[in-house]
């Protein structure tokens, strides 16, 4: 259990800092909500010209989700590339399987038209 002590200390320190920031912002932050200008929506410092209930298309969220999936793919490729020689043929075959699953997913998304913006 002593081997995990530094990890527990790190978690405790992170929790203390998070609680301290939250309490500090709550009790020490400004409380002046009387001005109506502070409660109005704005875009880059100027008044908003669009509707407040503007709903984004699902395509934006789908594209963001696909970006995250393929970004995580790149995160898994980097350590594999670093340890490529020590992993041998088994490591190569496992990475090819991983890439095959991702390529099948990309082809599926492409065939469904999720990457088309104009439609």
PDB file of N, CA and C in Angstrom:
ATOM      1  N   UNK A   1       0.822  -1.195   0.000  1.00  0.00           N
ATOM      2  CA  UNK A   1       0.000   0.000   0.000  1.00  0.00           C
ATOM      3  C   UNK A   1       0.866   1.258   0.000  1.00  0.00           C
ATOM      4  N   UNK A   2       2.079   1.139   0.518  1.00  0.00           N
ATOM      5  CA  UNK A   2       2.967   2.297   0.586  1.00  0.00           C
ATOM      6  C   UNK A   2       3.368   2.773  -0.801  1.00  0.00           C
ATOM      7  N   UNK A   3       3.328   1.883  -1.797  1.00  0.00           N
ATOM      8  CA  UNK A   3       3.701   2.268  -3.158  1.00  0.00           C
ATOM      9  C   UNK A   3       2.678   3.220  -3.763  1.00  0.00           C
ATOM     10  N   UNK A   4       1.445   3.166  -3.279  1.00  0.00           N
ATOM     11  CA  UNK A   4       0.393   4.040  -3.809  1.00  0.00           C
ATOM     12  C   UNK A   4       0.271   5.364  -3.054  1.00  0.00           C
ATOM     13  N   UNK A   5       1.059   5.571  -2.037  1.00  0.00           N
ATOM     14  CA  UNK A   5       0.991   6.791  -1.227  1.00  0.00           C
ATOM     15  C   UNK A   5       1.182   8.069  -2.057  1.00  0.00           C
ATOM     16  N   UNK A   6       2.173   8.137  -2.952  1.00  0.00           N
ATOM     17  CA  UNK A   6       2.312   9.372  -3.750  1.00  0.00           C
ATOM     18  C   UNK A   6       1.078   9.665  -4.611  1.00  0.00           C
ATOM     19  N   UNK A   7       0.451   8.619  -5.128  1.00  0.00           N
ATOM     20  CA  UNK A   7      -0.751   8.826  -5.936  1.00  0.00           C
ATOM     21  C   UNK A   7      -1.892   9.389  -5.081  1.00  0.00           C
ATOM     22  N   UNK A   8      -2.070   8.832  -3.875  1.00  0.00           N
ATOM     23  CA  UNK A   8      -3.124   9.318  -2.988  1.00  0.00           C
ATOM     24  C   UNK A   8      -2.850  10.751  -2.542  1.00  0.00           C
ATOM     25  N   UNK A   9      -1.602  11.079  -2.304  1.00  0.00           N
ATOM     26  CA  UNK A   9      -1.237  12.452  -1.931  1.00  0.00           C
ATOM     27  C   UNK A   9      -1.542  13.401  -3.082  1.00  0.00           C
ATOM     28  N   UNK A  10      -1.237  12.995  -4.300  1.00  0.00           N
ATOM     29  CA  UNK A  10      -1.528  13.829  -5.466  1.00  0.00           C
ATOM     30  C   UNK A  10      -3.029  14.054  -5.612  1.00  0.00           C
ATOM     31  N   UNK A  11      -3.835  12.996  -5.466  1.00  0.00           N
ATOM     32  CA  UNK A  11      -5.295  13.135  -5.557  1.00  0.00           C
ATOM     33  C   UNK A  11      -5.823  14.044  -4.454  1.00  0.00           C
ATOM     34  N   UNK A  12      -5.317  13.891  -3.242  1.00  0.00           N
ATOM     35  CA  UNK A  12      -5.762  14.731  -2.131  1.00  0.00           C
ATOM     36  C   UNK A  12      -5.394  16.188  -2.369  1.00  0.00           C
ATOM     37  N   UNK A  13      -4.188  16.425  -2.859  1.00  0.00           N
ATOM     38  CA  UNK A  13      -3.756  17.795  -3.146  1.00  0.00           C
ATOM     39  C   UNK A  13      -4.604  18.419  -4.255  1.00  0.00           C
ATOM     40  N   UNK A  14      -4.914  17.644  -5.290  1.00  0.00           N
ATOM     41  CA  UNK A  14      -5.764  18.152  -6.372  1.00  0.00           C
ATOM     42  C   UNK A  14      -7.158  18.469  -5.856  1.00  0.00           C
ATOM     43  N   UNK A  15      -7.708  17.632  -4.987  1.00  0.00           N
ATOM     44  CA  UNK A  15      -9.030  17.888  -4.425  1.00  0.00           C
ATOM     45  C   UNK A  15      -9.026  19.137  -3.550  1.00  0.00           C
ATOM     46  N   UNK A  16      -7.991  19.318  -2.743  1.00  0.00           N
ATOM     47  CA  UNK A  16      -7.896  20.500  -1.886  1.00  0.00           C
ATOM     48  C   UNK A  16      -7.800  21.771  -2.732  1.00  0.00           C
ATOM     49  N   UNK A  17      -7.012  21.741  -3.781  1.00  0.00           N
ATOM     50  CA  UNK A  17      -6.881  22.913  -4.646  1.00  0.00           C
ATOM     51  C   UNK A  17      -8.201  23.224  -5.349  1.00  0.00           C
ATOM     52  N   UNK A  18      -8.898  22.190  -5.849  1.00  0.00           N
ATOM     53  CA  UNK A  18     -10.181  22.408  -6.526  1.00  0.00           C
ATOM     54  C   UNK A  18     -11.202  23.002  -5.574  1.00  0.00           C
ATOM     55  N   UNK A  19     -11.289  22.476  -4.356  1.00  0.00           N
ATOM     56  CA  UNK A  19     -12.237  23.008  -3.367  1.00  0.00           C
ATOM     57  C   UNK A  19     -11.850  24.431  -2.982  1.00  0.00           C
ATOM     58  N   UNK A  20     -10.567  24.698  -2.828  1.00  0.00           N
ATOM     59  CA  UNK A  20     -10.118  26.045  -2.469  1.00  0.00           C
ATOM     60  C   UNK A  20     -10.478  27.053  -3.559  1.00  0.00           C
ATOM     61  N   UNK A  21     -10.294  26.692  -4.822  1.00  0.00           N
ATOM     62  CA  UNK A  21     -10.661  27.588  -5.917  1.00  0.00           C
ATOM     63  C   UNK A  21     -12.164  27.831  -5.953  1.00  0.00           C
ATOM     64  N   UNK A  22     -12.945  26.779  -5.753  1.00  0.00           N
ATOM     65  CA  UNK A  22     -14.394  26.919  -5.771  1.00  0.00           C
ATOM     66  C   UNK A  22     -14.874  27.805  -4.626  1.00  0.00           C
ATOM     67  N   UNK A  23     -14.376  27.560  -3.420  1.00  0.00           N
ATOM     68  CA  UNK A  23     -14.777  28.366  -2.259  1.00  0.00           C
ATOM     69  C   UNK A  23     -14.299  29.800  -2.429  1.00  0.00           C
ATOM     70  N   UNK A  24     -13.082  29.978  -2.915  1.00  0.00           N
ATOM     71  CA  UNK A  24     -12.570  31.324  -3.128  1.00  0.00           C
ATOM     72  C   UNK A  24     -13.382  32.108  -4.144  1.00  0.00           C
ATOM     73  N   UNK A  25     -13.767  31.476  -5.236  1.00  0.00           N
ATOM     74  CA  UNK A  25     -14.561  32.165  -6.248  1.00  0.00           C
ATOM     75  C   UNK A  25     -15.959  32.463  -5.744  1.00  0.00           C
ATOM     76  N   UNK A  26     -16.508  31.571  -4.935  1.00  0.00           N
ATOM     77  CA  UNK A  26     -17.863  31.764  -4.433  1.00  0.00           C
ATOM     78  C   UNK A  26     -17.929  32.889  -3.412  1.00  0.00           C
ATOM     79  N   UNK A  27     -17.013  32.899  -2.471  1.00  0.00           N
ATOM     80  CA  UNK A  27     -17.099  33.864  -1.368  1.00  0.00           C
ATOM     81  C   UNK A  27     -16.284  35.134  -1.585  1.00  0.00           C
ATOM     82  N   UNK A  28     -15.253  35.078  -2.396  1.00  0.00           N
ATOM     83  CA  UNK A  28     -14.415  36.255  -2.606  1.00  0.00           C
ATOM     84  C   UNK A  28     -14.684  36.959  -3.925  1.00  0.00           C
ATOM     85  N   UNK A  29     -15.444  36.332  -4.820  1.00  0.00           N
ATOM     86  CA  UNK A  29     -15.714  36.915  -6.130  1.00  0.00           C
ATOM     87  C   UNK A  29     -16.681  38.072  -6.061  1.00  0.00           C
ATOM     88  N   UNK A  30     -16.770  38.867  -7.135  1.00  0.00           N
ATOM     89  CA  UNK A  30     -17.682  40.008  -7.151  1.00  0.00           C
ATOM     90  C   UNK A  30     -19.139  39.545  -7.123  1.00  0.00           C
ATOM     91  N   UNK A  31     -19.979  40.349  -6.452  1.00  0.00           N
ATOM     92  CA  UNK A  31     -21.386  40.001  -6.316  1.00  0.00           C
ATOM     93  C   UNK A  31     -22.305  41.015  -6.988  1.00  0.00           C
ATOM     94  N   UNK A  32     -21.793  41.981  -7.701  1.00  0.00           N
ATOM     95  CA  UNK A  32     -22.599  43.050  -8.286  1.00  0.00           C
ATOM     96  C   UNK A  32     -23.348  42.540  -9.512  1.00  0.00           C
ATOM     97  N   UNK A  33     -24.614  42.185  -9.346  1.00  0.00           N
ATOM     98  CA  UNK A  33     -25.456  41.730 -10.448  1.00  0.00           C
ATOM     99  C   UNK A  33     -26.535  42.751 -10.782  1.00  0.00           C
ATOM    100  N   UNK A  34     -26.426  43.962 -10.262  1.00  0.00           N
ATOM    101  CA  UNK A  34     -27.471  44.965 -10.418  1.00  0.00           C
ATOM    102  C   UNK A  34     -27.529  45.599 -11.800  1.00  0.00           C
ATOM    103  N   UNK A  35     -26.448  45.609 -12.540  1.00  0.00           N
ATOM    104  CA  UNK A  35     -26.440  46.260 -13.841  1.00  0.00           C
ATOM    105  C   UNK A  35     -27.036  45.326 -14.894  1.00  0.00           C
ATOM    106  N   UNK A  36     -27.989  45.830 -15.659  1.00  0.00           N
ATOM    107  CA  UNK A  36     -28.656  45.019 -16.681  1.00  0.00           C
ATOM    108  C   UNK A  36     -27.709  44.652 -17.820  1.00  0.00           C
ATOM    109  N   UNK A  37     -26.688  45.460 -18.050  1.00  0.00           N
ATOM    110  CA  UNK A  37     -25.747  45.194 -19.136  1.00  0.00           C
ATOM    111  C   UNK A  37     -24.966  43.896 -18.914  1.00  0.00           C
ATOM    112  N   UNK A  38     -24.757  43.536 -17.682  1.00  0.00           N
ATOM    113  CA  UNK A  38     -23.978  42.325 -17.382  1.00  0.00           C
ATOM    114  C   UNK A  38     -24.755  41.060 -17.693  1.00  0.00           C
ATOM    115  N   UNK A  39     -26.075  41.130 -17.741  1.00  0.00           N
ATOM    116  CA  UNK A  39     -26.895  39.949 -17.963  1.00  0.00           C
ATOM    117  C   UNK A  39     -27.289  39.753 -19.421  1.00  0.00           C
ATOM    118  N   UNK A  40     -26.876  40.652 -20.323  1.00  0.00           N
ATOM    119  CA  UNK A  40     -27.208  40.525 -21.730  1.00  0.00           C
ATOM    120  C   UNK A  40     -26.194  39.640 -22.450  1.00  0.00           C
ATOM    121  N   UNK A  41     -26.658  38.826 -23.409  1.00  0.00           N
ATOM    122  CA  UNK A  41     -25.703  38.031 -24.187  1.00  0.00           C
ATOM    123  C   UNK A  41     -24.912  38.928 -25.141  1.00  0.00           C
ATOM    124  N   UNK A  42     -23.669  38.579 -25.389  1.00  0.00           N
ATOM    125  CA  UNK A  42     -22.851  39.355 -26.314  1.00  0.00           C
ATOM    126  C   UNK A  42     -21.932  38.429 -27.077  1.00  0.00           C
ATOM    127  N   UNK A  43     -21.480  38.925 -28.219  1.00  0.00           N
ATOM    128  CA  UNK A  43     -20.549  38.195 -29.066  1.00  0.00           C
ATOM    129  C   UNK A  43     -19.310  39.050 -29.246  1.00  0.00           C
ATOM    130  N   UNK A  44     -18.227  38.636 -28.701  1.00  0.00           N
ATOM    131  CA  UNK A  44     -16.942  39.323 -28.853  1.00  0.00           C
ATOM    132  C   UNK A  44     -17.019  40.780 -28.416  1.00  0.00           C
ATOM    133  N   UNK A  45     -17.735  41.059 -27.349  1.00  0.00           N
ATOM    134  CA  UNK A  45     -17.795  42.405 -26.816  1.00  0.00           C
ATOM    135  C   UNK A  45     -18.872  43.280 -27.405  1.00  0.00           C
ATOM    136  N   UNK A  46     -19.599  42.820 -28.411  1.00  0.00           N
ATOM    137  CA  UNK A  46     -20.683  43.619 -28.980  1.00  0.00           C
ATOM    138  C   UNK A  46     -22.004  42.885 -28.783  1.00  0.00           C
ATOM    139  N   UNK A  47     -23.091  43.603 -29.008  1.00  0.00           N
ATOM    140  CA  UNK A  47     -24.405  43.002 -28.808  1.00  0.00           C
ATOM    141  C   UNK A  47     -24.635  41.868 -29.796  1.00  0.00           C
ATOM    142  N   UNK A  48     -25.387  40.883 -29.349  1.00  0.00           N
ATOM    143  CA  UNK A  48     -25.679  39.722 -30.180  1.00  0.00           C
ATOM    144  C   UNK A  48     -26.659  40.094 -31.284  1.00  0.00           C
ATOM    145  N   UNK A  49     -26.382  39.606 -32.494  1.00  0.00           N
ATOM    146  CA  UNK A  49     -27.275  39.892 -33.613  1.00  0.00           C
ATOM    147  C   UNK A  49     -28.168  38.709 -33.945  1.00  0.00           C
ATOM    148  N   UNK A  50     -27.862  37.545 -33.407  1.00  0.00           N
ATOM    149  CA  UNK A  50     -28.635  36.343 -33.702  1.00  0.00           C
ATOM    150  C   UNK A  50     -29.661  36.045 -32.626  1.00  0.00           C
ATOM    151  N   UNK A  51     -30.457  35.032 -32.888  1.00  0.00           N
ATOM    152  CA  UNK A  51     -31.450  34.625 -31.918  1.00  0.00           C
ATOM    153  C   UNK A  51     -30.820  33.914 -30.734  1.00  0.00           C
ATOM    154  N   UNK A  52     -31.468  34.007 -29.609  1.00  0.00           N
ATOM    155  CA  UNK A  52     -30.931  33.378 -28.401  1.00  0.00           C
ATOM    156  C   UNK A  52     -31.158  31.875 -28.394  1.00  0.00           C
ATOM    157  N   UNK A  53     -32.183  31.416 -29.091  1.00  0.00           N
ATOM    158  CA  UNK A  53     -32.484  29.993 -29.120  1.00  0.00           C
ATOM    159  C   UNK A  53     -31.970  29.341 -30.396  1.00  0.00           C
ATOM    160  N   UNK A  54     -30.865  29.824 -30.915  1.00  0.00           N
ATOM    161  CA  UNK A  54     -30.276  29.266 -32.124  1.00  0.00           C
ATOM    162  C   UNK A  54     -29.742  27.873 -31.824  1.00  0.00           C
ATOM    163  N   UNK A  55     -30.204  26.891 -32.575  1.00  0.00           N
ATOM    164  CA  UNK A  55     -29.778  25.512 -32.367  1.00  0.00           C
ATOM    165  C   UNK A  55     -28.797  25.112 -33.465  1.00  0.00           C
ATOM    166  N   UNK A  56     -27.696  24.528 -33.044  1.00  0.00           N
ATOM    167  CA  UNK A  56     -26.705  24.072 -33.998  1.00  0.00           C
ATOM    168  C   UNK A  56     -27.152  22.759 -34.628  1.00  0.00           C
ATOM    169  N   UNK A  57     -26.700  22.527 -35.818  1.00  0.00           N
ATOM    170  CA  UNK A  57     -26.995  21.282 -36.510  1.00  0.00           C
ATOM    171  C   UNK A  57     -26.279  20.121 -35.817  1.00  0.00           C
ATOM    172  N   UNK A  58     -26.853  18.948 -35.937  1.00  0.00           N
ATOM    173  CA  UNK A  58     -26.241  17.757 -35.360  1.00  0.00           C
ATOM    174  C   UNK A  58     -24.905  17.458 -36.028  1.00  0.00           C
ATOM    175  N   UNK A  59     -24.733  17.921 -37.249  1.00  0.00           N
ATOM    176  CA  UNK A  59     -23.474  17.679 -37.975  1.00  0.00           C
ATOM    177  C   UNK A  59     -22.269  18.264 -37.244  1.00  0.00           C
ATOM    178  N   UNK A  60     -22.459  19.393 -36.550  1.00  0.00           N
ATOM    179  CA  UNK A  60     -21.350  19.974 -35.801  1.00  0.00           C
ATOM    180  C   UNK A  60     -20.904  19.028 -34.694  1.00  0.00           C
ATOM    181  N   UNK A  61     -21.866  18.476 -33.974  1.00  0.00           N
ATOM    182  CA  UNK A  61     -21.540  17.569 -32.879  1.00  0.00           C
ATOM    183  C   UNK A  61     -20.960  16.257 -33.407  1.00  0.00           C
ATOM    184  N   UNK A  62     -21.497  15.771 -34.511  1.00  0.00           N
ATOM    185  CA  UNK A  62     -20.993  14.534 -35.104  1.00  0.00           C
ATOM    186  C   UNK A  62     -19.552  14.705 -35.577  1.00  0.00           C
ATOM    187  N   UNK A  63     -19.268  15.841 -36.181  1.00  0.00           N
ATOM    188  CA  UNK A  63     -17.906  16.111 -36.628  1.00  0.00           C
ATOM    189  C   UNK A  63     -16.958  16.211 -35.442  1.00  0.00           C
ATOM    190  N   UNK A  64     -17.401  16.853 -34.372  1.00  0.00           N
ATOM    191  CA  UNK A  64     -16.561  16.951 -33.176  1.00  0.00           C
ATOM    192  C   UNK A  64     -16.296  15.575 -32.581  1.00  0.00           C
ATOM    193  N   UNK A  65     -17.316  14.738 -32.557  1.00  0.00           N
ATOM    194  CA  UNK A  65     -17.155  13.388 -32.026  1.00  0.00           C
ATOM    195  C   UNK A  65     -16.188  12.569 -32.887  1.00  0.00           C
ATOM    196  N   UNK A  66     -16.318  12.693 -34.201  1.00  0.00           N
ATOM    197  CA  UNK A  66     -15.394  11.979 -35.087  1.00  0.00           C
ATOM    198  C   UNK A  66     -13.967  12.481 -34.916  1.00  0.00           C
ATOM    199  N   UNK A  67     -13.822  13.778 -34.728  1.00  0.00           N
ATOM    200  CA  UNK A  67     -12.490  14.334 -34.499  1.00  0.00           C
ATOM    201  C   UNK A  67     -11.877  13.744 -33.238  1.00  0.00           C
ATOM    202  N   UNK A  68     -12.666  13.649 -32.178  1.00  0.00           N
ATOM    203  CA  UNK A  68     -12.155  13.089 -30.924  1.00  0.00           C
ATOM    204  C   UNK A  68     -11.737  11.639 -31.114  1.00  0.00           C
ATOM    205  N   UNK A  69     -12.558  10.858 -31.826  1.00  0.00           N
ATOM    206  CA  UNK A  69     -12.241   9.442 -32.041  1.00  0.00           C
ATOM    207  C   UNK A  69     -10.919   9.297 -32.788  1.00  0.00           C
ATOM    208  N   UNK A  70     -10.742  10.051 -33.858  1.00  0.00           N
ATOM    209  CA  UNK A  70      -9.521   9.899 -34.640  1.00  0.00           C
ATOM    210  C   UNK A  70      -8.329  10.598 -33.992  1.00  0.00           C
ATOM    211  N   UNK A  71      -8.586  11.540 -33.100  1.00  0.00           N
ATOM    212  CA  UNK A  71      -7.508  12.134 -32.329  1.00  0.00           C
ATOM    213  C   UNK A  71      -6.986  11.130 -31.307  1.00  0.00           C
ATOM    214  N   UNK A  72      -7.889  10.381 -30.702  1.00  0.00           N
ATOM    215  CA  UNK A  72      -7.475   9.343 -29.769  1.00  0.00           C
ATOM    216  C   UNK A  72      -6.688   8.258 -30.500  1.00  0.00           C
ATOM    217  N   UNK A  73      -7.060   7.999 -31.739  1.00  0.00           N
ATOM    218  CA  UNK A  73      -6.286   7.048 -32.542  1.00  0.00           C
ATOM    219  C   UNK A  73      -4.829   7.498 -32.631  1.00  0.00           C
ATOM    220  N   UNK A  74      -4.628   8.772 -32.899  1.00  0.00           N
ATOM    221  CA  UNK A  74      -3.258   9.288 -33.000  1.00  0.00           C
ATOM    222  C   UNK A  74      -2.527   9.176 -31.666  1.00  0.00           C
ATOM    223  N   UNK A  75      -3.259   9.344 -30.567  1.00  0.00           N
ATOM    224  CA  UNK A  75      -2.643   9.220 -29.249  1.00  0.00           C
ATOM    225  C   UNK A  75      -2.168   7.788 -29.015  1.00  0.00           C
ATOM    226  N   UNK A  76      -2.911   6.795 -29.517  1.00  0.00           N
ATOM    227  CA  UNK A  76      -2.489   5.406 -29.357  1.00  0.00           C
ATOM    228  C   UNK A  76      -1.376   5.032 -30.331  1.00  0.00           C
ATOM    229  N   UNK A  77      -1.282   5.713 -31.452  1.00  0.00           N
ATOM    230  CA  UNK A  77      -0.228   5.393 -32.416  1.00  0.00           C
ATOM    231  C   UNK A  77       1.151   5.848 -31.937  1.00  0.00           C
ATOM    232  N   UNK A  78       1.215   6.935 -31.198  1.00  0.00           N
ATOM    233  CA  UNK A  78       2.515   7.472 -30.793  1.00  0.00           C
ATOM    234  C   UNK A  78       3.293   6.511 -29.888  1.00  0.00           C
ATOM    235  N   UNK A  79       2.714   6.018 -28.776  1.00  0.00           N
ATOM    236  CA  UNK A  79       3.514   5.093 -27.957  1.00  0.00           C
ATOM    237  C   UNK A  79       3.837   3.787 -28.679  1.00  0.00           C
ATOM    238  N   UNK A  80       2.946   3.366 -29.568  1.00  0.00           N
ATOM    239  CA  UNK A  80       3.241   2.161 -30.338  1.00  0.00           C
ATOM    240  C   UNK A  80       4.455   2.403 -31.230  1.00  0.00           C
ATOM    241  N   UNK A  81       4.524   3.581 -31.841  1.00  0.00           N
ATOM    242  CA  UNK A  81       5.665   3.905 -32.693  1.00  0.00           C
ATOM    243  C   UNK A  81       6.965   3.985 -31.906  1.00  0.00           C
ATOM    244  N   UNK A  82       6.877   4.443 -30.666  1.00  0.00           N
ATOM    245  CA  UNK A  82       8.075   4.549 -29.841  1.00  0.00           C
ATOM    246  C   UNK A  82       8.602   3.162 -29.484  1.00  0.00           C
ATOM    247  N   UNK A  83       7.718   2.227 -29.186  1.00  0.00           N
ATOM    248  CA  UNK A  83       8.103   0.875 -28.763  1.00  0.00           C
ATOM    249  C   UNK A  83       7.996  -0.148 -29.885  1.00  0.00           C
ATOM    250  N   UNK A  84       7.985   0.302 -31.121  1.00  0.00           N
ATOM    251  CA  UNK A  84       7.742  -0.581 -32.257  1.00  0.00           C
ATOM    252  C   UNK A  84       8.697  -1.761 -32.302  1.00  0.00           C
ATOM    253  N   UNK A  85       9.986  -1.514 -32.160  1.00  0.00           N
ATOM    254  CA  UNK A  85      10.979  -2.588 -32.298  1.00  0.00           C
ATOM    255  C   UNK A  85      10.871  -3.629 -31.180  1.00  0.00           C
ATOM    256  N   UNK A  86      10.550  -3.193 -29.975  1.00  0.00           N
ATOM    257  CA  UNK A  86      10.476  -4.153 -28.868  1.00  0.00           C
ATOM    258  C   UNK A  86       9.172  -4.957 -28.877  1.00  0.00           C
ATOM    259  N   UNK A  87       8.153  -4.488 -29.572  1.00  0.00           N
ATOM    260  CA  UNK A  87       6.879  -5.210 -29.619  1.00  0.00           C
ATOM    261  C   UNK A  87       6.905  -6.370 -30.605  1.00  0.00           C
ATOM    262  N   UNK A  88       7.708  -6.266 -31.614  1.00  0.00           N
ATOM    263  CA  UNK A  88       7.847  -7.351 -32.586  1.00  0.00           C
ATOM    264  C   UNK A  88       6.640  -7.492 -33.495  1.00  0.00           C
ATOM    265  N   UNK A  89       6.522  -8.701 -34.053  1.00  0.00           N
ATOM    266  CA  UNK A  89       5.459  -8.953 -35.024  1.00  0.00           C
ATOM    267  C   UNK A  89       4.073  -8.922 -34.385  1.00  0.00           C
ATOM    268  N   UNK A  90       3.978  -9.374 -33.152  1.00  0.00           N
ATOM    269  CA  UNK A  90       2.687  -9.375 -32.471  1.00  0.00           C
ATOM    270  C   UNK A  90       2.162  -7.949 -32.295  1.00  0.00           C
ATOM    271  N   UNK A  91       3.050  -7.035 -31.948  1.00  0.00           N
ATOM    272  CA  UNK A  91       2.662  -5.628 -31.816  1.00  0.00           C
ATOM    273  C   UNK A  91       2.217  -5.041 -33.137  1.00  0.00           C
ATOM    274  N   UNK A  92       2.887  -5.421 -34.223  1.00  0.00           N
ATOM    275  CA  UNK A  92       2.502  -4.936 -35.550  1.00  0.00           C
ATOM    276  C   UNK A  92       1.121  -5.467 -35.941  1.00  0.00           C
ATOM    277  N   UNK A  93       0.878  -6.746 -35.696  1.00  0.00           N
ATOM    278  CA  UNK A  93      -0.410  -7.341 -36.050  1.00  0.00           C
ATOM    279  C   UNK A  93      -1.540  -6.724 -35.225  1.00  0.00           C
ATOM    280  N   UNK A  94      -1.297  -6.483 -33.938  1.00  0.00           N
ATOM    281  CA  UNK A  94      -2.321  -5.869 -33.093  1.00  0.00           C
ATOM    282  C   UNK A  94      -2.620  -4.446 -33.540  1.00  0.00           C
ATOM    283  N   UNK A  95      -1.601  -3.692 -33.926  1.00  0.00           N
ATOM    284  CA  UNK A  95      -1.841  -2.319 -34.386  1.00  0.00           C
ATOM    285  C   UNK A  95      -2.557  -2.309 -35.725  1.00  0.00           C
ATOM    286  N   UNK A  96      -2.239  -3.258 -36.596  1.00  0.00           N
ATOM    287  CA  UNK A  96      -2.959  -3.354 -37.868  1.00  0.00           C
ATOM    288  C   UNK A  96      -4.431  -3.687 -37.637  1.00  0.00           C
ATOM    289  N   UNK A  97      -4.723  -4.529 -36.659  1.00  0.00           N
ATOM    290  CA  UNK A  97      -6.111  -4.809 -36.300  1.00  0.00           C
ATOM    291  C   UNK A  97      -6.817  -3.579 -35.773  1.00  0.00           C
ATOM    292  N   UNK A  98      -6.136  -2.821 -34.930  1.00  0.00           N
ATOM    293  CA  UNK A  98      -6.689  -1.568 -34.401  1.00  0.00           C
ATOM    294  C   UNK A  98      -6.986  -0.586 -35.525  1.00  0.00           C
ATOM    295  N   UNK A  99      -6.039  -0.431 -36.437  1.00  0.00           N
ATOM    296  CA  UNK A  99      -6.239   0.472 -37.564  1.00  0.00           C
ATOM    297  C   UNK A  99      -7.344  -0.029 -38.496  1.00  0.00           C
ATOM    298  N   UNK A 100      -7.472  -1.343 -38.658  1.00  0.00           N
ATOM    299  CA  UNK A 100      -8.531  -1.893 -39.508  1.00  0.00           C
ATOM    300  C   UNK A 100      -9.905  -1.557 -38.944  1.00  0.00           C
ATOM    301  N   UNK A 101     -10.069  -1.669 -37.627  1.00  0.00           N
ATOM    302  CA  UNK A 101     -11.347  -1.317 -37.000  1.00  0.00           C
ATOM    303  C   UNK A 101     -11.651   0.160 -37.220  1.00  0.00           C
ATOM    304  N   UNK A 102     -10.659   1.022 -37.072  1.00  0.00           N
ATOM    305  CA  UNK A 102     -10.880   2.452 -37.280  1.00  0.00           C
ATOM    306  C   UNK A 102     -11.185   2.777 -38.739  1.00  0.00           C
ATOM    307  N   UNK A 103     -10.527   2.098 -39.660  1.00  0.00           N
ATOM    308  CA  UNK A 103     -10.778   2.337 -41.081  1.00  0.00           C
ATOM    309  C   UNK A 103     -12.188   1.879 -41.452  1.00  0.00           C
ATOM    310  N   UNK A 104     -12.623   0.744 -40.902  1.00  0.00           N
ATOM    311  CA  UNK A 104     -13.994   0.290 -41.155  1.00  0.00           C
ATOM    312  C   UNK A 104     -14.991   1.320 -40.625  1.00  0.00           C
ATOM    313  N   UNK A 105     -14.715   1.873 -39.441  1.00  0.00           N
ATOM    314  CA  UNK A 105     -15.576   2.923 -38.893  1.00  0.00           C
ATOM    315  C   UNK A 105     -15.600   4.170 -39.764  1.00  0.00           C
ATOM    316  N   UNK A 106     -14.441   4.559 -40.276  1.00  0.00           N
ATOM    317  CA  UNK A 106     -14.376   5.730 -41.138  1.00  0.00           C
ATOM    318  C   UNK A 106     -15.133   5.496 -42.444  1.00  0.00           C
ATOM    319  N   UNK A 107     -14.978   4.331 -43.025  1.00  0.00           N
ATOM    320  CA  UNK A 107     -15.709   4.019 -44.261  1.00  0.00           C
ATOM    321  C   UNK A 107     -17.216   4.025 -44.003  1.00  0.00           C
ATOM    322  N   UNK A 108     -17.653   3.477 -42.881  1.00  0.00           N
ATOM    323  CA  UNK A 108     -19.072   3.467 -42.528  1.00  0.00           C
ATOM    324  C   UNK A 108     -19.612   4.885 -42.403  1.00  0.00           C
ATOM    325  N   UNK A 109     -18.868   5.742 -41.692  1.00  0.00           N
ATOM    326  CA  UNK A 109     -19.299   7.132 -41.521  1.00  0.00           C
ATOM    327  C   UNK A 109     -19.326   7.851 -42.864  1.00  0.00           C
ATOM    328  N   UNK A 110     -18.359   7.583 -43.701  1.00  0.00           N
ATOM    329  CA  UNK A 110     -18.287   8.200 -45.020  1.00  0.00           C
ATOM    330  C   UNK A 110     -19.470   7.769 -45.883  1.00  0.00           C
ATOM    331  N   UNK A 111     -19.795   6.462 -45.878  1.00  0.00           N
ATOM    332  CA  UNK A 111     -20.913   5.955 -46.679  1.00  0.00           C
ATOM    333  C   UNK A 111     -22.248   6.493 -46.172  1.00  0.00           C
ATOM    334  N   UNK A 112     -22.384   6.730 -44.877  1.00  0.00           N
ATOM    335  CA  UNK A 112     -23.608   7.280 -44.314  1.00  0.00           C
ATOM    336  C   UNK A 112     -23.777   8.759 -44.632  1.00  0.00           C
ATOM    337  N   UNK A 113     -22.718   9.413 -45.099  1.00  0.00           N
ATOM    338  CA  UNK A 113     -22.790  10.823 -45.464  1.00  0.00           C
ATOM    339  C   UNK A 113     -22.576  11.761 -44.296  1.00  0.00           C
ATOM    340  N   UNK A 114     -21.982  11.279 -43.225  1.00  0.00           N
ATOM    341  CA  UNK A 114     -21.774  12.122 -42.041  1.00  0.00           C
ATOM    342  C   UNK A 114     -20.708  13.194 -42.281  1.00  0.00           C
ATOM    343  N   UNK A 115     -19.894  13.012 -43.289  1.00  0.00           N
ATOM    344  CA  UNK A 115     -18.826  13.986 -43.563  1.00  0.00           C
ATOM    345  C   UNK A 115     -19.233  15.016 -44.606  1.00  0.00           C
ATOM    346  N   UNK A 116     -20.456  14.947 -45.105  1.00  0.00           N
ATOM    347  CA  UNK A 116     -20.957  15.900 -46.099  1.00  0.00           C
ATOM    348  C   UNK A 116     -21.557  17.107 -45.401  1.00  0.00           C
ATOM    349  N   UNK A 117     -21.092  18.306 -45.725  1.00  0.00           N
ATOM    350  CA  UNK A 117     -21.598  19.516 -45.102  1.00  0.00           C
ATOM    351  C   UNK A 117     -22.772  20.129 -45.867  1.00  0.00           C
ATOM    352  N   UNK A 118     -22.808  19.941 -47.161  1.00  0.00           N
ATOM    353  CA  UNK A 118     -23.803  20.635 -47.959  1.00  0.00           C
ATOM    354  C   UNK A 118     -25.211  20.037 -47.825  1.00  0.00           C
ATOM    355  N   UNK A 119     -25.332  18.788 -47.444  1.00  0.00           N
ATOM    356  CA  UNK A 119     -26.656  18.171 -47.378  1.00  0.00           C
ATOM    357  C   UNK A 119     -27.331  18.431 -46.060  1.00  0.00           C
TER     358      UNK A 119
END
